[in-house]
């Protein structure tokens, strides 16, 4: 199980609503620590309702130059916008032009992120009001949401390089 972390506490002012991040990792194998994933999504509680929030999220992503669909943008070589992901001490700090979030990550997620040197970031246009911050999200609920009809085609996809604290 994993849990999500809220980005905005006051969703009434933003058409995006409460933005939330949730980490998870694909199954590791003997040779591969798994793929670390991080998803940004809205609870759909923006000032103008969930439909307006979807339009606002789509506009925000398109303004950054991201396409909605299955195109994967590697932000280590394609610097369309300033994005960073610091992963240290079982925490991930994601900075994008329209948000900054810090969330706890499990040790296996951190290990995979450090080993791979990047994280697969999904920026969902579709809101997910059931996955509220602080509540554990069972794997089957997460799997059902991300494998739902039109989800992948209705999201932006990026590979974000992992930064570490230098000593």
N, C-alpha and C. Protein backbone atom coordinates (compact mmCIF):
# COMPACT_ATOMS: atom_id res chain seq x y z
N UNK A 1 0.84 -1.18 0.00
CA UNK A 1 0.00 0.00 0.00
C UNK A 1 0.88 1.23 0.00
N UNK A 2 0.33 2.31 -0.50
CA UNK A 2 1.01 3.58 -0.51
C UNK A 2 -0.01 4.65 -0.16
N UNK A 3 0.45 5.84 0.17
CA UNK A 3 -0.50 6.90 0.46
C UNK A 3 -0.07 8.15 -0.29
N UNK A 4 -1.03 9.05 -0.48
CA UNK A 4 -0.79 10.25 -1.25
C UNK A 4 -0.52 11.43 -0.33
N UNK A 5 0.03 12.48 -0.92
CA UNK A 5 0.36 13.69 -0.18
C UNK A 5 -0.22 14.88 -0.92
N UNK A 6 -0.91 15.78 -0.20
CA UNK A 6 -1.52 16.96 -0.82
C UNK A 6 -0.46 18.02 -1.08
N UNK A 7 -0.69 18.77 -2.16
CA UNK A 7 0.20 19.87 -2.50
C UNK A 7 -0.41 21.19 -2.08
N UNK A 8 -1.69 21.41 -2.40
CA UNK A 8 -2.37 22.64 -2.03
C UNK A 8 -3.36 22.35 -0.91
N UNK A 9 -3.29 23.10 0.16
CA UNK A 9 -4.25 22.93 1.25
C UNK A 9 -5.56 23.65 0.94
N UNK A 10 -5.52 24.81 0.25
CA UNK A 10 -6.72 25.57 -0.04
C UNK A 10 -7.08 25.43 -1.51
N UNK A 11 -7.95 24.49 -1.79
CA UNK A 11 -8.31 24.21 -3.18
C UNK A 11 -9.37 25.16 -3.71
N UNK A 12 -10.00 25.94 -2.85
CA UNK A 12 -11.09 26.81 -3.29
C UNK A 12 -10.60 27.92 -4.20
N UNK A 13 -9.34 28.31 -4.08
CA UNK A 13 -8.81 29.40 -4.90
C UNK A 13 -8.31 28.93 -6.25
N UNK A 14 -7.93 27.71 -6.37
CA UNK A 14 -7.32 27.20 -7.59
C UNK A 14 -8.33 26.42 -8.43
N UNK A 15 -8.35 26.68 -9.73
CA UNK A 15 -9.22 25.84 -10.57
C UNK A 15 -8.73 24.39 -10.64
N UNK A 16 -7.44 24.17 -10.35
CA UNK A 16 -6.90 22.81 -10.36
C UNK A 16 -7.38 21.99 -9.17
N UNK A 17 -7.73 22.65 -8.09
CA UNK A 17 -8.12 21.96 -6.88
C UNK A 17 -6.90 21.49 -6.10
N UNK A 18 -7.11 20.56 -5.21
CA UNK A 18 -6.03 20.02 -4.41
C UNK A 18 -5.21 19.08 -5.29
N UNK A 19 -3.97 19.45 -5.54
CA UNK A 19 -3.07 18.58 -6.29
C UNK A 19 -2.41 17.63 -5.31
N UNK A 20 -2.26 16.41 -5.75
CA UNK A 20 -1.79 15.34 -4.89
C UNK A 20 -0.74 14.53 -5.62
N UNK A 21 0.22 13.99 -4.88
CA UNK A 21 1.23 13.12 -5.48
C UNK A 21 1.19 11.76 -4.78
N UNK A 22 1.46 10.73 -5.56
CA UNK A 22 1.50 9.38 -4.99
C UNK A 22 2.62 8.60 -5.67
N UNK A 23 3.50 7.99 -4.87
CA UNK A 23 4.59 7.17 -5.44
C UNK A 23 4.23 5.69 -5.42
N UNK A 24 4.75 4.96 -6.38
CA UNK A 24 4.69 3.50 -6.33
C UNK A 24 5.79 2.96 -7.22
N UNK A 25 6.04 1.68 -7.11
CA UNK A 25 7.13 1.06 -7.84
C UNK A 25 6.64 -0.24 -8.45
N UNK A 26 7.08 -0.52 -9.68
CA UNK A 26 6.73 -1.80 -10.29
C UNK A 26 7.47 -2.91 -9.55
N UNK A 27 7.06 -4.13 -9.80
CA UNK A 27 7.66 -5.28 -9.13
C UNK A 27 9.14 -5.41 -9.46
N UNK A 28 9.97 -5.53 -8.44
CA UNK A 28 11.41 -5.74 -8.70
C UNK A 28 11.67 -7.19 -9.12
N UNK A 29 12.79 -7.39 -9.77
CA UNK A 29 13.26 -8.73 -10.11
C UNK A 29 14.68 -8.86 -9.54
N UNK A 30 15.29 -9.99 -9.75
CA UNK A 30 16.65 -10.19 -9.27
C UNK A 30 17.63 -9.23 -9.92
N UNK A 31 17.34 -8.83 -11.17
CA UNK A 31 18.24 -7.95 -11.92
C UNK A 31 17.80 -6.50 -11.98
N UNK A 32 16.59 -6.22 -11.54
CA UNK A 32 16.02 -4.88 -11.72
C UNK A 32 15.28 -4.47 -10.45
N UNK A 33 15.56 -3.27 -9.91
CA UNK A 33 14.88 -2.85 -8.68
C UNK A 33 13.43 -2.42 -8.89
N UNK A 34 12.96 -2.46 -10.13
CA UNK A 34 11.60 -2.01 -10.43
C UNK A 34 11.64 -0.59 -10.97
N UNK A 35 10.53 -0.17 -11.53
CA UNK A 35 10.41 1.18 -12.10
C UNK A 35 9.73 2.09 -11.07
N UNK A 36 10.43 3.14 -10.60
CA UNK A 36 9.78 4.07 -9.68
C UNK A 36 8.87 5.03 -10.45
N UNK A 37 7.64 5.15 -10.00
CA UNK A 37 6.67 6.02 -10.63
C UNK A 37 6.15 7.03 -9.61
N UNK A 38 5.80 8.19 -10.11
CA UNK A 38 5.23 9.25 -9.29
C UNK A 38 4.10 9.86 -10.10
N UNK A 39 2.92 9.99 -9.51
CA UNK A 39 1.79 10.55 -10.23
C UNK A 39 1.30 11.80 -9.52
N UNK A 40 1.04 12.82 -10.33
CA UNK A 40 0.40 14.05 -9.85
C UNK A 40 -1.03 14.01 -10.37
N UNK A 41 -1.99 14.25 -9.48
CA UNK A 41 -3.40 14.28 -9.88
C UNK A 41 -4.14 15.24 -8.98
N UNK A 42 -5.31 15.64 -9.40
CA UNK A 42 -6.16 16.53 -8.63
C UNK A 42 -7.26 15.72 -7.96
N UNK A 43 -7.73 16.23 -6.84
CA UNK A 43 -8.89 15.61 -6.21
C UNK A 43 -10.19 16.05 -6.88
N UNK A 44 -10.10 17.02 -7.80
CA UNK A 44 -11.30 17.49 -8.50
C UNK A 44 -12.13 18.45 -7.67
N UNK A 45 -11.51 19.05 -6.65
CA UNK A 45 -12.24 19.93 -5.73
C UNK A 45 -11.94 21.41 -5.96
N UNK A 46 -11.58 21.76 -7.18
CA UNK A 46 -11.27 23.16 -7.50
C UNK A 46 -12.48 24.05 -7.41
N UNK A 47 -12.24 25.34 -7.47
CA UNK A 47 -13.30 26.34 -7.26
C UNK A 47 -14.44 26.23 -8.25
N UNK A 48 -14.17 25.71 -9.47
CA UNK A 48 -15.22 25.65 -10.50
C UNK A 48 -15.67 24.23 -10.79
N UNK A 49 -15.27 23.26 -9.96
CA UNK A 49 -15.71 21.89 -10.14
C UNK A 49 -14.72 21.02 -10.89
N UNK A 50 -14.97 19.71 -10.91
CA UNK A 50 -14.03 18.76 -11.50
C UNK A 50 -13.82 18.92 -13.00
N UNK A 51 -14.87 19.24 -13.75
CA UNK A 51 -14.71 19.39 -15.20
C UNK A 51 -13.80 20.57 -15.53
N UNK A 52 -14.02 21.69 -14.84
CA UNK A 52 -13.17 22.87 -15.05
C UNK A 52 -11.75 22.57 -14.60
N UNK A 53 -11.61 21.77 -13.56
CA UNK A 53 -10.27 21.38 -13.09
C UNK A 53 -9.53 20.57 -14.13
N UNK A 54 -10.24 19.67 -14.82
CA UNK A 54 -9.62 18.89 -15.89
C UNK A 54 -9.14 19.81 -17.02
N UNK A 55 -9.96 20.76 -17.39
CA UNK A 55 -9.58 21.70 -18.43
C UNK A 55 -8.38 22.53 -17.99
N UNK A 56 -8.37 22.95 -16.72
CA UNK A 56 -7.25 23.75 -16.19
C UNK A 56 -5.96 22.93 -16.16
N UNK A 57 -6.04 21.66 -15.79
CA UNK A 57 -4.85 20.82 -15.76
C UNK A 57 -4.34 20.59 -17.18
N UNK A 58 -5.21 20.32 -18.10
CA UNK A 58 -4.82 20.13 -19.50
C UNK A 58 -4.14 21.40 -20.02
N UNK A 59 -4.71 22.56 -19.74
CA UNK A 59 -4.13 23.83 -20.19
C UNK A 59 -2.75 24.05 -19.55
N UNK A 60 -2.63 23.73 -18.28
CA UNK A 60 -1.35 23.90 -17.59
C UNK A 60 -0.26 23.03 -18.23
N UNK A 61 -0.59 21.79 -18.53
CA UNK A 61 0.37 20.87 -19.13
C UNK A 61 0.73 21.30 -20.55
N UNK A 62 -0.27 21.71 -21.31
CA UNK A 62 0.00 22.17 -22.67
C UNK A 62 0.82 23.45 -22.68
N UNK A 63 0.60 24.32 -21.70
CA UNK A 63 1.39 25.54 -21.58
C UNK A 63 2.87 25.21 -21.34
N UNK A 64 3.13 24.10 -20.67
CA UNK A 64 4.51 23.66 -20.44
C UNK A 64 5.11 22.99 -21.67
N UNK A 65 4.28 22.76 -22.68
CA UNK A 65 4.77 22.10 -23.89
C UNK A 65 4.65 20.59 -23.85
N UNK A 66 3.90 20.08 -22.90
CA UNK A 66 3.70 18.64 -22.80
C UNK A 66 2.45 18.24 -23.58
N UNK A 67 2.54 17.13 -24.26
CA UNK A 67 1.36 16.64 -24.96
C UNK A 67 0.63 15.66 -24.05
N UNK A 68 -0.67 15.64 -24.22
CA UNK A 68 -1.50 14.69 -23.48
C UNK A 68 -1.59 13.46 -24.37
N UNK A 69 -1.19 12.33 -23.85
CA UNK A 69 -1.19 11.10 -24.63
C UNK A 69 -0.06 10.20 -24.21
N UNK A 70 0.38 9.37 -25.10
CA UNK A 70 1.37 8.37 -24.74
C UNK A 70 2.81 8.79 -25.02
N UNK A 71 3.04 10.02 -25.54
CA UNK A 71 4.40 10.49 -25.80
C UNK A 71 5.15 10.67 -24.47
N UNK A 72 6.32 10.06 -24.37
CA UNK A 72 7.14 10.14 -23.16
C UNK A 72 8.25 11.16 -23.40
N UNK A 73 8.31 12.18 -22.54
CA UNK A 73 9.32 13.24 -22.64
C UNK A 73 10.40 12.97 -21.60
N UNK A 74 11.64 12.88 -22.04
CA UNK A 74 12.78 12.68 -21.14
C UNK A 74 13.33 14.05 -20.76
N UNK A 75 13.06 14.48 -19.54
CA UNK A 75 13.45 15.82 -19.10
C UNK A 75 14.93 15.95 -18.79
N UNK A 76 15.69 14.85 -18.90
CA UNK A 76 17.14 14.98 -18.75
C UNK A 76 17.76 15.54 -20.02
N UNK A 77 17.12 15.31 -21.16
CA UNK A 77 17.66 15.82 -22.42
C UNK A 77 16.74 16.87 -23.06
N UNK A 78 15.48 16.88 -22.72
CA UNK A 78 14.52 17.83 -23.28
C UNK A 78 14.10 18.77 -22.15
N UNK A 79 14.70 19.93 -22.11
CA UNK A 79 14.45 20.88 -21.01
C UNK A 79 13.37 21.90 -21.38
N UNK A 80 12.17 21.42 -21.65
CA UNK A 80 11.05 22.30 -22.01
C UNK A 80 10.72 23.27 -20.88
N UNK A 81 10.90 22.82 -19.67
CA UNK A 81 10.58 23.64 -18.51
C UNK A 81 11.44 23.18 -17.34
N UNK A 82 11.48 23.99 -16.32
CA UNK A 82 12.29 23.68 -15.16
C UNK A 82 11.55 22.67 -14.27
N UNK A 83 12.12 21.50 -14.14
CA UNK A 83 11.57 20.46 -13.29
C UNK A 83 12.71 19.81 -12.53
N UNK A 84 12.48 19.48 -11.28
CA UNK A 84 13.51 18.77 -10.52
C UNK A 84 12.85 17.80 -9.57
N UNK A 85 13.61 16.76 -9.24
CA UNK A 85 13.14 15.74 -8.31
C UNK A 85 14.31 15.34 -7.42
N UNK A 86 14.26 15.75 -6.18
CA UNK A 86 15.27 15.40 -5.19
C UNK A 86 14.75 14.20 -4.41
N UNK A 87 15.56 13.15 -4.32
CA UNK A 87 15.17 11.95 -3.59
C UNK A 87 16.25 11.67 -2.55
N UNK A 88 15.91 11.85 -1.29
CA UNK A 88 16.82 11.62 -0.17
C UNK A 88 16.01 11.30 1.08
N UNK A 89 16.60 10.52 1.97
CA UNK A 89 16.02 10.24 3.29
C UNK A 89 14.56 9.79 3.21
N UNK A 90 14.27 8.92 2.22
CA UNK A 90 12.93 8.37 2.00
C UNK A 90 11.88 9.47 1.81
N UNK A 91 12.30 10.53 1.09
CA UNK A 91 11.42 11.63 0.72
C UNK A 91 11.71 12.01 -0.73
N UNK A 92 10.67 12.37 -1.45
CA UNK A 92 10.81 12.88 -2.80
C UNK A 92 10.28 14.31 -2.81
N UNK A 93 11.07 15.22 -3.37
CA UNK A 93 10.66 16.61 -3.48
C UNK A 93 10.59 16.93 -4.98
N UNK A 94 9.37 17.12 -5.47
CA UNK A 94 9.12 17.39 -6.88
C UNK A 94 8.82 18.86 -7.05
N UNK A 95 9.57 19.51 -7.95
CA UNK A 95 9.32 20.92 -8.27
C UNK A 95 9.00 21.04 -9.75
N UNK A 96 7.83 21.60 -10.03
CA UNK A 96 7.37 21.90 -11.38
C UNK A 96 6.98 23.37 -11.40
N UNK A 97 6.86 23.98 -12.56
CA UNK A 97 6.52 25.41 -12.60
C UNK A 97 5.21 25.76 -11.88
N UNK A 98 4.26 24.85 -11.80
CA UNK A 98 2.98 25.17 -11.17
C UNK A 98 2.77 24.52 -9.80
N UNK A 99 3.78 23.83 -9.29
CA UNK A 99 3.61 23.18 -7.99
C UNK A 99 4.95 22.73 -7.42
N UNK A 100 4.94 22.53 -6.12
CA UNK A 100 6.07 21.92 -5.43
C UNK A 100 5.48 20.98 -4.38
N UNK A 101 5.96 19.75 -4.36
CA UNK A 101 5.42 18.76 -3.44
C UNK A 101 6.55 17.97 -2.81
N UNK A 102 6.33 17.59 -1.58
CA UNK A 102 7.25 16.70 -0.87
C UNK A 102 6.42 15.55 -0.34
N UNK A 103 6.89 14.33 -0.59
CA UNK A 103 6.13 13.19 -0.10
C UNK A 103 7.07 12.10 0.39
N UNK A 104 6.61 11.33 1.37
CA UNK A 104 7.41 10.19 1.81
C UNK A 104 7.39 9.10 0.74
N UNK A 105 8.51 8.38 0.61
CA UNK A 105 8.59 7.27 -0.33
C UNK A 105 9.15 6.06 0.42
N UNK A 106 8.72 4.86 0.05
CA UNK A 106 9.24 3.67 0.71
C UNK A 106 10.70 3.43 0.31
N UNK A 107 11.45 2.71 1.14
CA UNK A 107 12.87 2.46 0.84
C UNK A 107 13.09 1.81 -0.52
N UNK A 108 12.22 0.88 -0.93
CA UNK A 108 12.40 0.22 -2.22
C UNK A 108 12.19 1.20 -3.38
N UNK A 109 11.32 2.18 -3.21
CA UNK A 109 11.10 3.21 -4.22
C UNK A 109 12.36 4.08 -4.34
N UNK A 110 12.88 4.50 -3.19
CA UNK A 110 14.10 5.31 -3.20
C UNK A 110 15.26 4.56 -3.84
N UNK A 111 15.40 3.28 -3.49
CA UNK A 111 16.48 2.47 -4.07
C UNK A 111 16.33 2.40 -5.59
N UNK A 112 15.12 2.14 -6.06
CA UNK A 112 14.89 2.07 -7.51
C UNK A 112 15.17 3.41 -8.17
N UNK A 113 14.75 4.51 -7.55
CA UNK A 113 14.99 5.84 -8.12
C UNK A 113 16.48 6.14 -8.21
N UNK A 114 17.23 5.80 -7.16
CA UNK A 114 18.68 6.04 -7.18
C UNK A 114 19.37 5.13 -8.19
N UNK A 115 18.95 3.89 -8.27
CA UNK A 115 19.56 2.94 -9.20
C UNK A 115 19.30 3.34 -10.65
N UNK A 116 18.05 3.69 -10.95
CA UNK A 116 17.68 4.06 -12.32
C UNK A 116 18.15 5.47 -12.69
N UNK A 117 18.24 6.34 -11.69
CA UNK A 117 18.64 7.72 -11.96
C UNK A 117 17.52 8.58 -12.51
N UNK A 118 16.31 8.03 -12.56
CA UNK A 118 15.16 8.76 -13.07
C UNK A 118 13.88 8.14 -12.54
N UNK A 119 12.81 8.91 -12.61
CA UNK A 119 11.50 8.47 -12.16
C UNK A 119 10.51 8.74 -13.29
N UNK A 120 9.60 7.82 -13.50
CA UNK A 120 8.53 7.99 -14.49
C UNK A 120 7.44 8.82 -13.82
N UNK A 121 7.22 10.03 -14.34
CA UNK A 121 6.22 10.95 -13.78
C UNK A 121 4.99 10.96 -14.68
N UNK A 122 3.84 10.75 -14.07
CA UNK A 122 2.57 10.81 -14.78
C UNK A 122 1.82 12.02 -14.24
N UNK A 123 1.42 12.90 -15.13
CA UNK A 123 0.63 14.08 -14.77
C UNK A 123 -0.78 13.84 -15.29
N UNK A 124 -1.66 13.43 -14.39
CA UNK A 124 -3.00 13.02 -14.78
C UNK A 124 -3.92 14.22 -14.96
N UNK A 125 -4.68 14.19 -16.02
CA UNK A 125 -5.69 15.22 -16.24
C UNK A 125 -6.96 14.83 -15.49
N UNK A 126 -7.28 13.56 -15.47
CA UNK A 126 -8.48 13.06 -14.80
C UNK A 126 -8.31 13.17 -13.28
N UNK A 127 -9.27 13.76 -12.57
CA UNK A 127 -9.18 13.81 -11.10
C UNK A 127 -9.43 12.43 -10.49
N UNK A 128 -8.94 12.29 -9.26
CA UNK A 128 -9.14 11.05 -8.51
C UNK A 128 -9.56 11.42 -7.09
N UNK A 129 -10.83 11.75 -6.89
CA UNK A 129 -11.29 12.22 -5.59
C UNK A 129 -11.25 11.17 -4.49
N UNK A 130 -11.22 9.89 -4.84
CA UNK A 130 -11.22 8.84 -3.83
C UNK A 130 -9.86 8.69 -3.14
N UNK A 131 -8.79 9.10 -3.78
CA UNK A 131 -7.43 8.91 -3.23
C UNK A 131 -7.02 10.16 -2.47
N UNK A 132 -7.63 10.36 -1.31
CA UNK A 132 -7.38 11.55 -0.52
C UNK A 132 -6.06 11.43 0.25
N UNK A 133 -5.39 12.54 0.45
CA UNK A 133 -4.12 12.54 1.18
C UNK A 133 -4.27 11.94 2.58
N UNK A 134 -3.26 11.17 2.94
CA UNK A 134 -3.21 10.57 4.26
C UNK A 134 -3.90 9.23 4.38
N UNK A 135 -4.70 8.86 3.39
CA UNK A 135 -5.38 7.56 3.42
C UNK A 135 -4.58 6.58 2.58
N UNK A 136 -4.35 5.42 3.13
CA UNK A 136 -3.62 4.39 2.39
C UNK A 136 -4.42 4.00 1.14
N UNK A 137 -3.72 3.88 0.04
CA UNK A 137 -4.35 3.47 -1.22
C UNK A 137 -3.92 2.04 -1.50
N UNK A 138 -4.85 1.09 -1.41
CA UNK A 138 -4.50 -0.31 -1.71
C UNK A 138 -4.02 -0.45 -3.15
N UNK A 139 -3.08 -1.37 -3.40
CA UNK A 139 -2.54 -1.56 -4.75
C UNK A 139 -3.62 -1.79 -5.80
N UNK A 140 -4.67 -2.51 -5.46
CA UNK A 140 -5.71 -2.79 -6.45
C UNK A 140 -6.47 -1.52 -6.85
N UNK A 141 -6.65 -0.57 -5.92
CA UNK A 141 -7.30 0.71 -6.26
C UNK A 141 -6.41 1.54 -7.18
N UNK A 142 -5.12 1.59 -6.87
CA UNK A 142 -4.16 2.32 -7.70
C UNK A 142 -4.13 1.70 -9.10
N UNK A 143 -4.03 0.39 -9.15
CA UNK A 143 -3.99 -0.33 -10.43
C UNK A 143 -5.26 -0.06 -11.24
N UNK A 144 -6.41 -0.07 -10.59
CA UNK A 144 -7.68 0.17 -11.29
C UNK A 144 -7.72 1.60 -11.85
N UNK A 145 -7.22 2.57 -11.10
CA UNK A 145 -7.24 3.95 -11.58
C UNK A 145 -6.32 4.14 -12.77
N UNK A 146 -5.08 3.68 -12.65
CA UNK A 146 -4.12 3.92 -13.74
C UNK A 146 -4.36 3.03 -14.96
N UNK A 147 -5.09 1.95 -14.81
CA UNK A 147 -5.39 1.10 -15.97
C UNK A 147 -6.80 1.36 -16.50
N UNK A 148 -7.49 2.36 -15.93
CA UNK A 148 -8.84 2.67 -16.38
C UNK A 148 -8.86 3.20 -17.81
N UNK A 149 -10.01 3.09 -18.42
CA UNK A 149 -10.16 3.50 -19.82
C UNK A 149 -9.78 4.97 -20.02
N UNK A 150 -8.87 5.19 -20.95
CA UNK A 150 -8.47 6.53 -21.32
C UNK A 150 -7.49 7.21 -20.39
N UNK A 151 -7.09 6.53 -19.30
CA UNK A 151 -6.20 7.20 -18.35
C UNK A 151 -4.85 7.54 -18.97
N UNK A 152 -4.17 6.55 -19.55
CA UNK A 152 -2.85 6.80 -20.11
C UNK A 152 -2.90 7.82 -21.24
N UNK A 153 -3.92 7.73 -22.08
CA UNK A 153 -4.07 8.67 -23.18
C UNK A 153 -4.47 10.05 -22.69
N UNK A 154 -4.97 10.15 -21.48
CA UNK A 154 -5.42 11.41 -20.91
C UNK A 154 -4.46 11.97 -19.88
N UNK A 155 -3.19 11.62 -19.99
CA UNK A 155 -2.17 12.10 -19.05
C UNK A 155 -0.93 12.52 -19.82
N UNK A 156 -0.09 13.31 -19.19
CA UNK A 156 1.22 13.64 -19.74
C UNK A 156 2.23 12.73 -19.05
N UNK A 157 3.30 12.35 -19.77
CA UNK A 157 4.27 11.39 -19.27
C UNK A 157 5.68 11.94 -19.43
N UNK A 158 6.46 11.88 -18.34
CA UNK A 158 7.83 12.39 -18.36
C UNK A 158 8.76 11.44 -17.61
N UNK A 159 10.01 11.46 -18.00
CA UNK A 159 11.07 10.87 -17.20
C UNK A 159 11.80 12.04 -16.55
N UNK A 160 11.86 12.03 -15.24
CA UNK A 160 12.49 13.13 -14.51
C UNK A 160 13.78 12.61 -13.87
N UNK A 161 14.92 13.27 -14.13
CA UNK A 161 16.17 12.82 -13.51
C UNK A 161 16.10 13.00 -11.99
N UNK A 162 16.74 12.09 -11.29
CA UNK A 162 16.77 12.12 -9.83
C UNK A 162 18.00 12.89 -9.37
N UNK A 163 17.77 13.84 -8.48
CA UNK A 163 18.86 14.59 -7.86
C UNK A 163 19.10 14.04 -6.46
N UNK A 164 20.33 14.15 -6.00
CA UNK A 164 20.69 13.73 -4.64
C UNK A 164 21.47 14.84 -3.98
N UNK A 165 21.46 14.86 -2.67
CA UNK A 165 22.24 15.82 -1.92
C UNK A 165 23.70 15.45 -2.05
N UNK A 166 24.52 16.41 -2.40
CA UNK A 166 25.97 16.15 -2.51
C UNK A 166 26.63 16.44 -1.20
N UNK A 167 27.54 15.57 -0.82
CA UNK A 167 28.27 15.77 0.44
C UNK A 167 29.74 15.98 0.18
